[in-house]
Amino acid sequence: MGSTVFWILVLVAAAVILFALDRLALWMEARGWIYWRRSKHNPSGALGNAFREVQSILEPEKGRAAEQRLHEEPGKSESGEPHVPGEE
């Protein structure tokens, strides 16, 4: 009997902890710190911009190439042909 109560309490405690972590993650997402459940990941977000700036300082040639890719029309390859998914 005591063992059953113990495991029920463990399961309830685990559920409460997971719920609390989920609420914490949603709060952090609302502040823009992380991407969790309610927003899609946007690679041009603040953290992505920060990493691009660091890379442009450390490797200027790669920073310029990444900046150029950001301003290109989506769906176009270097040759001007539409991008076909699955081809590299």
C-alpha atoms as a PDB file:
ATOM      1  CA  MET A   1       0.000   0.000   0.000  1.00  0.00           C
ATOM      2  CA  GLY A   2       2.753   2.477   0.944  1.00  0.00           C
ATOM      3  CA  SER A   3       4.679   1.749  -2.259  1.00  0.00           C
ATOM      4  CA  THR A   4       1.653   2.547  -4.418  1.00  0.00           C
ATOM      5  CA  VAL A   5       1.091   5.883  -2.683  1.00  0.00           C
ATOM      6  CA  PHE A   6       4.762   6.726  -3.114  1.00  0.00           C
ATOM      7  CA  TRP A   7       4.660   6.134  -6.890  1.00  0.00           C
ATOM      8  CA  ILE A   8       1.444   8.090  -7.261  1.00  0.00           C
ATOM      9  CA  LEU A   9       3.079  11.018  -5.457  1.00  0.00           C
ATOM     10  CA  VAL A  10       6.155  10.708  -7.679  1.00  0.00           C
ATOM     11  CA  LEU A  11       3.971  10.831 -10.819  1.00  0.00           C
ATOM     12  CA  VAL A  12       2.003  13.818  -9.529  1.00  0.00           C
ATOM     13  CA  ALA A  13       5.225  15.638  -8.596  1.00  0.00           C
ATOM     14  CA  ALA A  14       6.694  14.915 -12.053  1.00  0.00           C
ATOM     15  CA  ALA A  15       3.536  16.256 -13.734  1.00  0.00           C
ATOM     16  CA  VAL A  16       3.648  19.433 -11.619  1.00  0.00           C
ATOM     17  CA  ILE A  17       7.343  19.967 -12.396  1.00  0.00           C
ATOM     18  CA  LEU A  18       6.784  19.458 -16.138  1.00  0.00           C
ATOM     19  CA  PHE A  19       3.847  21.872 -16.085  1.00  0.00           C
ATOM     20  CA  ALA A  20       5.936  24.468 -14.245  1.00  0.00           C
ATOM     21  CA  LEU A  21       8.806  24.090 -16.731  1.00  0.00           C
ATOM     22  CA  ASP A  22       6.357  24.489 -19.620  1.00  0.00           C
ATOM     23  CA  ARG A  23       4.940  27.688 -18.115  1.00  0.00           C
ATOM     24  CA  LEU A  24       8.480  28.985 -17.525  1.00  0.00           C
ATOM     25  CA  ALA A  25       9.369  28.272 -21.162  1.00  0.00           C
ATOM     26  CA  LEU A  26       6.203  30.040 -22.360  1.00  0.00           C
ATOM     27  CA  TRP A  27       7.073  33.054 -20.212  1.00  0.00           C
ATOM     28  CA  MET A  28      10.607  33.094 -21.623  1.00  0.00           C
ATOM     29  CA  GLU A  29       9.171  32.817 -25.139  1.00  0.00           C
ATOM     30  CA  ALA A  30       6.872  35.782 -24.511  1.00  0.00           C
ATOM     31  CA  ARG A  31       9.972  37.833 -23.645  1.00  0.00           C
ATOM     32  CA  GLY A  32      11.679  36.714 -26.862  1.00  0.00           C
ATOM     33  CA  TRP A  33      14.429  34.739 -25.165  1.00  0.00           C
ATOM     34  CA  ILE A  34      13.586  31.322 -26.671  1.00  0.00           C
ATOM     35  CA  TYR A  35      11.302  29.651 -29.195  1.00  0.00           C
ATOM     36  CA  TRP A  36       9.006  27.153 -27.523  1.00  0.00           C
ATOM     37  CA  ARG A  37       5.471  26.277 -28.634  1.00  0.00           C
ATOM     38  CA  ARG A  38       3.643  29.375 -29.770  1.00  0.00           C
ATOM     39  CA  SER A  39       6.019  30.909 -32.285  1.00  0.00           C
ATOM     40  CA  LYS A  40       7.877  29.497 -35.244  1.00  0.00           C
ATOM     41  CA  HIS A  41      11.636  29.595 -35.297  1.00  0.00           C
ATOM     42  CA  ASN A  42      12.850  32.588 -37.265  1.00  0.00           C
ATOM     43  CA  PRO A  43      16.527  32.313 -38.216  1.00  0.00           C
ATOM     44  CA  SER A  44      16.751  36.077 -38.640  1.00  0.00           C
ATOM     45  CA  GLY A  45      15.866  36.687 -34.985  1.00  0.00           C
ATOM     46  CA  ALA A  46      17.947  38.641 -32.510  1.00  0.00           C
ATOM     47  CA  LEU A  47      20.183  35.734 -31.526  1.00  0.00           C
ATOM     48  CA  GLY A  48      20.827  34.872 -35.167  1.00  0.00           C
ATOM     49  CA  ASN A  49      21.795  38.477 -35.858  1.00  0.00           C
ATOM     50  CA  ALA A  50      24.170  38.462 -32.909  1.00  0.00           C
ATOM     51  CA  PHE A  51      25.896  35.297 -34.142  1.00  0.00           C
ATOM     52  CA  ARG A  52      26.174  36.758 -37.660  1.00  0.00           C
ATOM     53  CA  GLU A  53      27.837  39.888 -36.248  1.00  0.00           C
ATOM     54  CA  VAL A  54      30.354  37.817 -34.282  1.00  0.00           C
ATOM     55  CA  GLN A  55      31.079  35.719 -37.372  1.00  0.00           C
ATOM     56  CA  SER A  56      31.523  38.833 -39.513  1.00  0.00           C
ATOM     57  CA  ILE A  57      34.141  40.085 -37.025  1.00  0.00           C
ATOM     58  CA  LEU A  58      36.004  36.769 -36.836  1.00  0.00           C
ATOM     59  CA  GLU A  59      35.633  35.754 -40.504  1.00  0.00           C
ATOM     60  CA  PRO A  60      34.818  38.840 -42.618  1.00  0.00           C
ATOM     61  CA  GLU A  61      34.602  36.940 -45.918  1.00  0.00           C
ATOM     62  CA  LYS A  62      31.983  34.531 -44.526  1.00  0.00           C
ATOM     63  CA  GLY A  63      30.078  37.380 -42.909  1.00  0.00           C
ATOM     64  CA  ARG A  64      29.729  39.144 -46.263  1.00  0.00           C
ATOM     65  CA  ALA A  65      28.534  35.937 -47.938  1.00  0.00           C
ATOM     66  CA  ALA A  66      25.944  35.328 -45.218  1.00  0.00           C
ATOM     67  CA  GLU A  67      24.738  38.936 -45.467  1.00  0.00           C
ATOM     68  CA  GLN A  68      24.385  38.606 -49.227  1.00  0.00           C
ATOM     69  CA  ARG A  69      22.337  35.397 -48.827  1.00  0.00           C
ATOM     70  CA  LEU A  70      19.983  37.221 -46.472  1.00  0.00           C
ATOM     71  CA  HIS A  71      19.202  39.836 -49.101  1.00  0.00           C
ATOM     72  CA  GLU A  72      18.766  37.416 -52.010  1.00  0.00           C
ATOM     73  CA  GLU A  73      15.318  36.522 -53.241  1.00  0.00           C
ATOM     74  CA  PRO A  74      14.123  33.351 -51.500  1.00  0.00           C
ATOM     75  CA  GLY A  75      13.741  30.335 -53.767  1.00  0.00           C
ATOM     76  CA  LYS A  76      16.435  31.372 -56.238  1.00  0.00           C
ATOM     77  CA  SER A  77      19.788  29.639 -56.544  1.00  0.00           C
ATOM     78  CA  GLU A  78      23.027  31.334 -57.614  1.00  0.00           C
ATOM     79  CA  SER A  79      22.313  30.541 -61.259  1.00  0.00           C
ATOM     80  CA  GLY A  80      18.891  32.174 -61.058  1.00  0.00           C
ATOM     81  CA  GLU A  81      17.109  28.840 -61.345  1.00  0.00           C
ATOM     82  CA  PRO A  82      14.361  28.063 -58.831  1.00  0.00           C
ATOM     83  CA  HIS A  83      15.573  25.935 -55.940  1.00  0.00           C
ATOM     84  CA  VAL A  84      14.454  22.307 -56.135  1.00  0.00           C
ATOM     85  CA  PRO A  85      14.123  20.726 -52.670  1.00  0.00           C
ATOM     86  CA  GLY A  86      16.442  17.766 -52.183  1.00  0.00           C
ATOM     87  CA  GLU A  87      19.099  19.042 -54.592  1.00  0.00           C
ATOM     88  CA  GLU A  88      22.328  20.471 -53.258  1.00  0.00           C
END
